[in-house]
């Protein structure tokens, strides 16, 4: 972590996702549904916790490097904002898309903005 200049929350997200993949693979392996080969990441993505972004005036500002570098997504004209009720949840940032989870904390609906 000494030379890590990005937001520290991304490390937590990566560990959580890797653990989830291994747990799922192990469960399938013990049932005989998976082979012995290790699981491989097919699509690169990152889960962005609620503490790493702000939403204001139809724009989502995601922290990449604290107080230095940000990604800004303008979703003010997105189709789902008029229908959405509740608040933004966790974001999933892929190579070509941003998935925004909406709704109350109990139920989240996933809507994909390209």
N, C-alpha and C. Protein backbone atom coordinates (compact mmCIF):
# COMPACT_ATOMS: atom_id res chain seq x y z
N UNK A 1 0.81 -1.20 0.00
CA UNK A 1 0.00 0.00 0.00
C UNK A 1 0.85 1.27 0.00
N UNK A 2 2.15 1.14 0.21
CA UNK A 2 3.01 2.33 0.26
C UNK A 2 3.02 3.08 -1.06
N UNK A 3 3.11 2.38 -2.17
CA UNK A 3 3.20 3.02 -3.48
C UNK A 3 1.85 3.11 -4.20
N UNK A 4 0.78 2.80 -3.52
CA UNK A 4 -0.57 2.82 -4.09
C UNK A 4 -1.11 4.24 -4.03
N UNK A 5 -1.24 4.88 -5.19
CA UNK A 5 -1.69 6.27 -5.23
C UNK A 5 -3.19 6.40 -5.43
N UNK A 6 -3.86 5.29 -5.75
CA UNK A 6 -5.29 5.33 -5.98
C UNK A 6 -6.05 5.26 -4.65
N UNK A 7 -7.36 5.47 -4.72
CA UNK A 7 -8.18 5.39 -3.52
C UNK A 7 -8.07 4.01 -2.90
N UNK A 8 -7.92 3.94 -1.61
CA UNK A 8 -7.69 2.68 -0.91
C UNK A 8 -8.91 1.74 -0.95
N UNK A 9 -10.09 2.30 -1.14
CA UNK A 9 -11.30 1.48 -1.17
C UNK A 9 -11.30 0.50 -2.34
N UNK A 10 -10.54 0.78 -3.38
CA UNK A 10 -10.50 -0.13 -4.51
C UNK A 10 -9.83 -1.45 -4.15
N UNK A 11 -8.92 -1.43 -3.21
CA UNK A 11 -8.28 -2.66 -2.75
C UNK A 11 -9.31 -3.53 -2.05
N UNK A 12 -10.14 -2.93 -1.20
CA UNK A 12 -11.20 -3.67 -0.52
C UNK A 12 -12.15 -4.31 -1.52
N UNK A 13 -12.50 -3.54 -2.54
CA UNK A 13 -13.42 -4.03 -3.57
C UNK A 13 -12.81 -5.22 -4.32
N UNK A 14 -11.54 -5.13 -4.67
CA UNK A 14 -10.88 -6.22 -5.41
C UNK A 14 -10.79 -7.48 -4.57
N UNK A 15 -10.47 -7.34 -3.30
CA UNK A 15 -10.38 -8.49 -2.40
C UNK A 15 -11.75 -9.15 -2.25
N UNK A 16 -12.77 -8.34 -2.07
CA UNK A 16 -14.13 -8.86 -1.91
C UNK A 16 -14.57 -9.62 -3.16
N UNK A 17 -14.29 -9.07 -4.34
CA UNK A 17 -14.68 -9.71 -5.58
C UNK A 17 -13.91 -11.01 -5.82
N UNK A 18 -12.61 -11.01 -5.53
CA UNK A 18 -11.79 -12.22 -5.71
C UNK A 18 -12.26 -13.32 -4.76
N UNK A 19 -12.56 -12.95 -3.53
CA UNK A 19 -13.05 -13.93 -2.55
C UNK A 19 -14.37 -14.53 -3.02
N UNK A 20 -15.25 -13.69 -3.56
CA UNK A 20 -16.54 -14.16 -4.05
C UNK A 20 -16.36 -15.15 -5.20
N UNK A 21 -15.43 -14.85 -6.13
CA UNK A 21 -15.18 -15.75 -7.25
C UNK A 21 -14.65 -17.10 -6.77
N UNK A 22 -13.71 -17.07 -5.84
CA UNK A 22 -13.13 -18.32 -5.34
C UNK A 22 -14.16 -19.15 -4.58
N UNK A 23 -14.98 -18.48 -3.80
CA UNK A 23 -16.02 -19.16 -3.04
C UNK A 23 -17.02 -19.84 -3.98
N UNK A 24 -17.40 -19.14 -5.03
CA UNK A 24 -18.33 -19.69 -6.02
C UNK A 24 -17.70 -20.87 -6.75
N UNK A 25 -16.43 -20.74 -7.14
CA UNK A 25 -15.74 -21.82 -7.84
C UNK A 25 -15.63 -23.05 -6.94
N UNK A 26 -15.27 -22.85 -5.68
CA UNK A 26 -15.12 -23.97 -4.74
C UNK A 26 -16.44 -24.71 -4.55
N UNK A 27 -17.52 -23.97 -4.41
CA UNK A 27 -18.83 -24.58 -4.24
C UNK A 27 -19.17 -25.44 -5.45
N UNK A 28 -18.93 -24.91 -6.65
CA UNK A 28 -19.19 -25.67 -7.87
C UNK A 28 -18.26 -26.86 -8.02
N UNK A 29 -17.00 -26.72 -7.60
CA UNK A 29 -16.03 -27.82 -7.69
C UNK A 29 -16.43 -28.97 -6.78
N UNK A 30 -16.85 -28.64 -5.56
CA UNK A 30 -17.25 -29.69 -4.62
C UNK A 30 -18.51 -30.42 -5.09
N UNK A 31 -19.36 -29.75 -5.84
CA UNK A 31 -20.56 -30.38 -6.39
C UNK A 31 -20.27 -31.15 -7.67
N UNK A 32 -19.05 -31.02 -8.20
CA UNK A 32 -18.69 -31.69 -9.43
C UNK A 32 -19.08 -30.92 -10.68
N UNK A 33 -19.46 -29.67 -10.52
CA UNK A 33 -19.89 -28.86 -11.65
C UNK A 33 -18.74 -28.09 -12.30
N UNK A 34 -17.60 -28.02 -11.64
CA UNK A 34 -16.45 -27.27 -12.16
C UNK A 34 -15.24 -28.20 -12.24
N UNK A 35 -14.33 -27.82 -13.13
CA UNK A 35 -13.07 -28.56 -13.23
C UNK A 35 -12.07 -28.01 -12.24
N UNK A 36 -10.90 -28.60 -12.23
CA UNK A 36 -9.88 -28.20 -11.26
C UNK A 36 -9.17 -26.89 -11.63
N UNK A 37 -9.29 -26.45 -12.89
CA UNK A 37 -8.62 -25.22 -13.30
C UNK A 37 -9.13 -24.04 -12.47
N UNK A 38 -8.21 -23.15 -12.17
CA UNK A 38 -8.56 -21.98 -11.37
C UNK A 38 -9.50 -21.05 -12.14
N UNK A 39 -10.32 -20.29 -11.44
CA UNK A 39 -11.21 -19.35 -12.12
C UNK A 39 -10.42 -18.21 -12.75
N UNK A 40 -10.93 -17.68 -13.85
CA UNK A 40 -10.26 -16.62 -14.59
C UNK A 40 -11.24 -15.45 -14.77
N UNK A 41 -10.74 -14.24 -14.63
CA UNK A 41 -11.57 -13.06 -14.83
C UNK A 41 -11.75 -12.86 -16.33
N UNK A 42 -13.01 -12.81 -16.78
CA UNK A 42 -13.29 -12.65 -18.20
C UNK A 42 -13.49 -11.19 -18.59
N UNK A 43 -14.17 -10.45 -17.73
CA UNK A 43 -14.42 -9.03 -18.01
C UNK A 43 -13.84 -8.20 -16.88
N UNK A 44 -13.13 -7.16 -17.25
CA UNK A 44 -12.54 -6.29 -16.25
C UNK A 44 -13.56 -5.25 -15.80
N UNK A 45 -13.73 -5.13 -14.49
CA UNK A 45 -14.65 -4.16 -13.94
C UNK A 45 -14.23 -3.84 -12.51
N UNK A 46 -14.81 -2.79 -11.97
CA UNK A 46 -14.54 -2.43 -10.58
C UNK A 46 -15.86 -2.00 -9.95
N UNK A 47 -16.08 -2.42 -8.74
CA UNK A 47 -17.25 -1.98 -7.98
C UNK A 47 -16.86 -0.73 -7.22
N UNK A 48 -17.64 0.32 -7.39
CA UNK A 48 -17.34 1.60 -6.77
C UNK A 48 -18.28 1.79 -5.59
N UNK A 49 -17.72 1.81 -4.40
CA UNK A 49 -18.52 1.97 -3.19
C UNK A 49 -19.12 3.37 -3.13
N UNK A 50 -20.14 3.50 -2.31
CA UNK A 50 -20.83 4.78 -2.17
C UNK A 50 -19.92 5.87 -1.62
N UNK A 51 -18.86 5.49 -0.94
CA UNK A 51 -17.94 6.48 -0.37
C UNK A 51 -16.98 7.07 -1.40
N UNK A 52 -16.93 6.48 -2.59
CA UNK A 52 -15.98 6.92 -3.61
C UNK A 52 -16.58 7.81 -4.69
N UNK A 53 -17.85 8.14 -4.59
CA UNK A 53 -18.44 9.00 -5.60
C UNK A 53 -19.41 9.99 -4.97
N UNK A 54 -19.66 11.07 -5.72
CA UNK A 54 -20.68 12.05 -5.33
C UNK A 54 -21.61 12.24 -6.51
N UNK A 55 -22.86 12.54 -6.20
CA UNK A 55 -23.87 12.77 -7.23
C UNK A 55 -24.48 14.14 -6.99
N UNK A 56 -24.33 15.02 -7.97
CA UNK A 56 -24.85 16.38 -7.82
C UNK A 56 -25.19 16.93 -9.21
N UNK A 57 -26.37 17.50 -9.34
CA UNK A 57 -26.82 18.14 -10.58
C UNK A 57 -26.73 17.21 -11.80
N UNK A 58 -27.08 15.95 -11.61
CA UNK A 58 -27.09 15.01 -12.72
C UNK A 58 -25.72 14.49 -13.12
N UNK A 59 -24.70 14.76 -12.34
CA UNK A 59 -23.35 14.30 -12.65
C UNK A 59 -22.81 13.43 -11.52
N UNK A 60 -22.20 12.32 -11.91
CA UNK A 60 -21.55 11.43 -10.95
C UNK A 60 -20.06 11.68 -11.05
N UNK A 61 -19.44 12.01 -9.92
CA UNK A 61 -18.01 12.27 -9.86
C UNK A 61 -17.36 11.15 -9.05
N UNK A 62 -16.53 10.34 -9.72
CA UNK A 62 -15.90 9.17 -9.10
C UNK A 62 -14.44 9.48 -8.81
N UNK A 63 -14.03 9.24 -7.58
CA UNK A 63 -12.64 9.48 -7.18
C UNK A 63 -11.75 8.34 -7.67
N UNK A 64 -10.70 8.69 -8.40
CA UNK A 64 -9.71 7.71 -8.84
C UNK A 64 -8.49 7.81 -7.92
N UNK A 65 -7.95 9.02 -7.83
CA UNK A 65 -6.86 9.32 -6.90
C UNK A 65 -7.38 10.43 -5.99
N UNK A 66 -7.36 10.24 -4.69
CA UNK A 66 -7.96 11.21 -3.78
C UNK A 66 -7.43 12.62 -3.99
N UNK A 67 -8.36 13.57 -4.16
CA UNK A 67 -8.07 15.00 -4.31
C UNK A 67 -7.22 15.32 -5.54
N UNK A 68 -7.04 14.38 -6.46
CA UNK A 68 -6.21 14.61 -7.64
C UNK A 68 -6.94 14.30 -8.95
N UNK A 69 -7.48 13.09 -9.07
CA UNK A 69 -8.01 12.63 -10.33
C UNK A 69 -9.42 12.07 -10.14
N UNK A 70 -10.35 12.48 -11.04
CA UNK A 70 -11.74 12.06 -10.94
C UNK A 70 -12.26 11.69 -12.33
N UNK A 71 -13.26 10.83 -12.37
CA UNK A 71 -14.02 10.56 -13.58
C UNK A 71 -15.38 11.21 -13.39
N UNK A 72 -15.88 11.88 -14.40
CA UNK A 72 -17.18 12.53 -14.30
C UNK A 72 -18.10 11.95 -15.37
N UNK A 73 -19.28 11.50 -14.95
CA UNK A 73 -20.29 10.96 -15.84
C UNK A 73 -21.52 11.85 -15.76
N UNK A 74 -21.95 12.37 -16.89
CA UNK A 74 -23.13 13.20 -16.95
C UNK A 74 -24.33 12.32 -17.28
N UNK A 75 -25.17 12.08 -16.30
CA UNK A 75 -26.35 11.24 -16.52
C UNK A 75 -27.63 12.07 -16.39
N UNK A 76 -27.51 13.38 -16.54
CA UNK A 76 -28.66 14.26 -16.37
C UNK A 76 -29.76 13.99 -17.40
N UNK A 77 -29.40 13.47 -18.57
CA UNK A 77 -30.40 13.19 -19.60
C UNK A 77 -30.68 11.69 -19.74
N UNK A 78 -30.28 10.90 -18.79
CA UNK A 78 -30.49 9.46 -18.84
C UNK A 78 -31.98 9.14 -18.70
N UNK A 79 -32.43 8.16 -19.42
CA UNK A 79 -33.85 7.81 -19.45
C UNK A 79 -34.39 7.32 -18.12
N UNK A 80 -33.55 6.70 -17.32
CA UNK A 80 -34.04 6.07 -16.10
C UNK A 80 -34.19 7.03 -14.92
N UNK A 81 -33.65 8.23 -15.01
CA UNK A 81 -33.74 9.16 -13.88
C UNK A 81 -35.17 9.61 -13.60
N UNK A 82 -35.99 9.76 -14.64
CA UNK A 82 -37.37 10.19 -14.43
C UNK A 82 -38.20 9.10 -13.77
N UNK A 83 -37.87 7.86 -14.05
CA UNK A 83 -38.62 6.73 -13.49
C UNK A 83 -38.08 6.27 -12.14
N UNK A 84 -36.85 6.63 -11.83
CA UNK A 84 -36.19 6.11 -10.63
C UNK A 84 -36.74 6.77 -9.37
N UNK A 85 -36.91 5.96 -8.39
CA UNK A 85 -37.30 6.45 -7.07
C UNK A 85 -36.27 5.92 -6.09
N UNK A 86 -35.83 6.75 -5.20
CA UNK A 86 -34.83 6.31 -4.23
C UNK A 86 -33.50 6.98 -4.49
N UNK A 87 -32.46 6.32 -4.11
CA UNK A 87 -31.12 6.89 -4.16
C UNK A 87 -30.18 6.01 -4.96
N UNK A 88 -29.03 6.57 -5.31
CA UNK A 88 -28.00 5.79 -6.00
C UNK A 88 -27.33 4.86 -5.01
N UNK A 89 -26.97 3.69 -5.48
CA UNK A 89 -26.26 2.73 -4.66
C UNK A 89 -24.85 2.54 -5.17
N UNK A 90 -24.39 1.32 -5.18
CA UNK A 90 -23.06 1.00 -5.66
C UNK A 90 -23.02 1.12 -7.19
N UNK A 91 -21.91 1.60 -7.71
CA UNK A 91 -21.71 1.68 -9.16
C UNK A 91 -20.78 0.56 -9.60
N UNK A 92 -20.97 0.08 -10.81
CA UNK A 92 -20.08 -0.93 -11.38
C UNK A 92 -19.53 -0.33 -12.67
N UNK A 93 -18.23 -0.11 -12.70
CA UNK A 93 -17.57 0.51 -13.84
C UNK A 93 -16.84 -0.56 -14.64
N UNK A 94 -17.30 -0.76 -15.88
CA UNK A 94 -16.65 -1.70 -16.79
C UNK A 94 -15.80 -0.93 -17.77
N UNK A 95 -15.25 -1.63 -18.73
CA UNK A 95 -14.41 -0.97 -19.72
C UNK A 95 -15.22 -0.08 -20.65
N UNK A 96 -16.48 -0.45 -20.92
CA UNK A 96 -17.30 0.31 -21.86
C UNK A 96 -18.64 0.76 -21.28
N UNK A 97 -18.87 0.55 -20.01
CA UNK A 97 -20.16 0.89 -19.45
C UNK A 97 -20.06 1.28 -17.97
N UNK A 98 -21.12 1.91 -17.50
CA UNK A 98 -21.28 2.23 -16.08
C UNK A 98 -22.64 1.70 -15.67
N UNK A 99 -22.69 0.79 -14.72
CA UNK A 99 -23.95 0.28 -14.20
C UNK A 99 -24.27 1.02 -12.92
N UNK A 100 -25.46 1.58 -12.88
CA UNK A 100 -25.90 2.36 -11.73
C UNK A 100 -27.00 1.58 -11.03
N UNK A 101 -26.84 1.31 -9.73
CA UNK A 101 -27.89 0.64 -8.97
C UNK A 101 -28.73 1.71 -8.30
N UNK A 102 -30.05 1.56 -8.41
CA UNK A 102 -30.99 2.54 -7.88
C UNK A 102 -31.99 1.86 -6.96
N UNK A 103 -32.62 2.65 -6.12
CA UNK A 103 -33.69 2.15 -5.29
C UNK A 103 -33.37 2.30 -3.82
N UNK A 104 -34.22 1.75 -3.01
CA UNK A 104 -33.99 1.81 -1.57
C UNK A 104 -32.85 0.87 -1.21
N UNK A 105 -32.40 0.93 0.01
CA UNK A 105 -31.28 0.07 0.40
C UNK A 105 -31.68 -1.40 0.43
N UNK A 106 -32.96 -1.68 0.60
CA UNK A 106 -33.42 -3.07 0.62
C UNK A 106 -33.44 -3.67 -0.77
N UNK A 107 -33.97 -2.92 -1.72
CA UNK A 107 -34.07 -3.44 -3.08
C UNK A 107 -33.34 -2.51 -4.03
N UNK A 108 -32.40 -3.04 -4.77
CA UNK A 108 -31.64 -2.27 -5.74
C UNK A 108 -32.02 -2.76 -7.13
N UNK A 109 -32.22 -1.83 -8.03
CA UNK A 109 -32.46 -2.17 -9.43
C UNK A 109 -31.23 -1.75 -10.21
N UNK A 110 -30.78 -2.59 -11.11
CA UNK A 110 -29.59 -2.27 -11.89
C UNK A 110 -30.01 -1.74 -13.25
N UNK A 111 -29.50 -0.59 -13.56
CA UNK A 111 -29.74 0.01 -14.86
C UNK A 111 -28.41 0.36 -15.47
N UNK A 112 -28.23 0.04 -16.74
CA UNK A 112 -26.95 0.22 -17.39
C UNK A 112 -27.00 1.44 -18.31
N UNK A 113 -26.05 2.34 -18.12
CA UNK A 113 -25.93 3.52 -18.98
C UNK A 113 -24.69 3.34 -19.84
N UNK A 114 -24.84 3.56 -21.11
CA UNK A 114 -23.70 3.44 -22.02
C UNK A 114 -23.28 4.79 -22.47
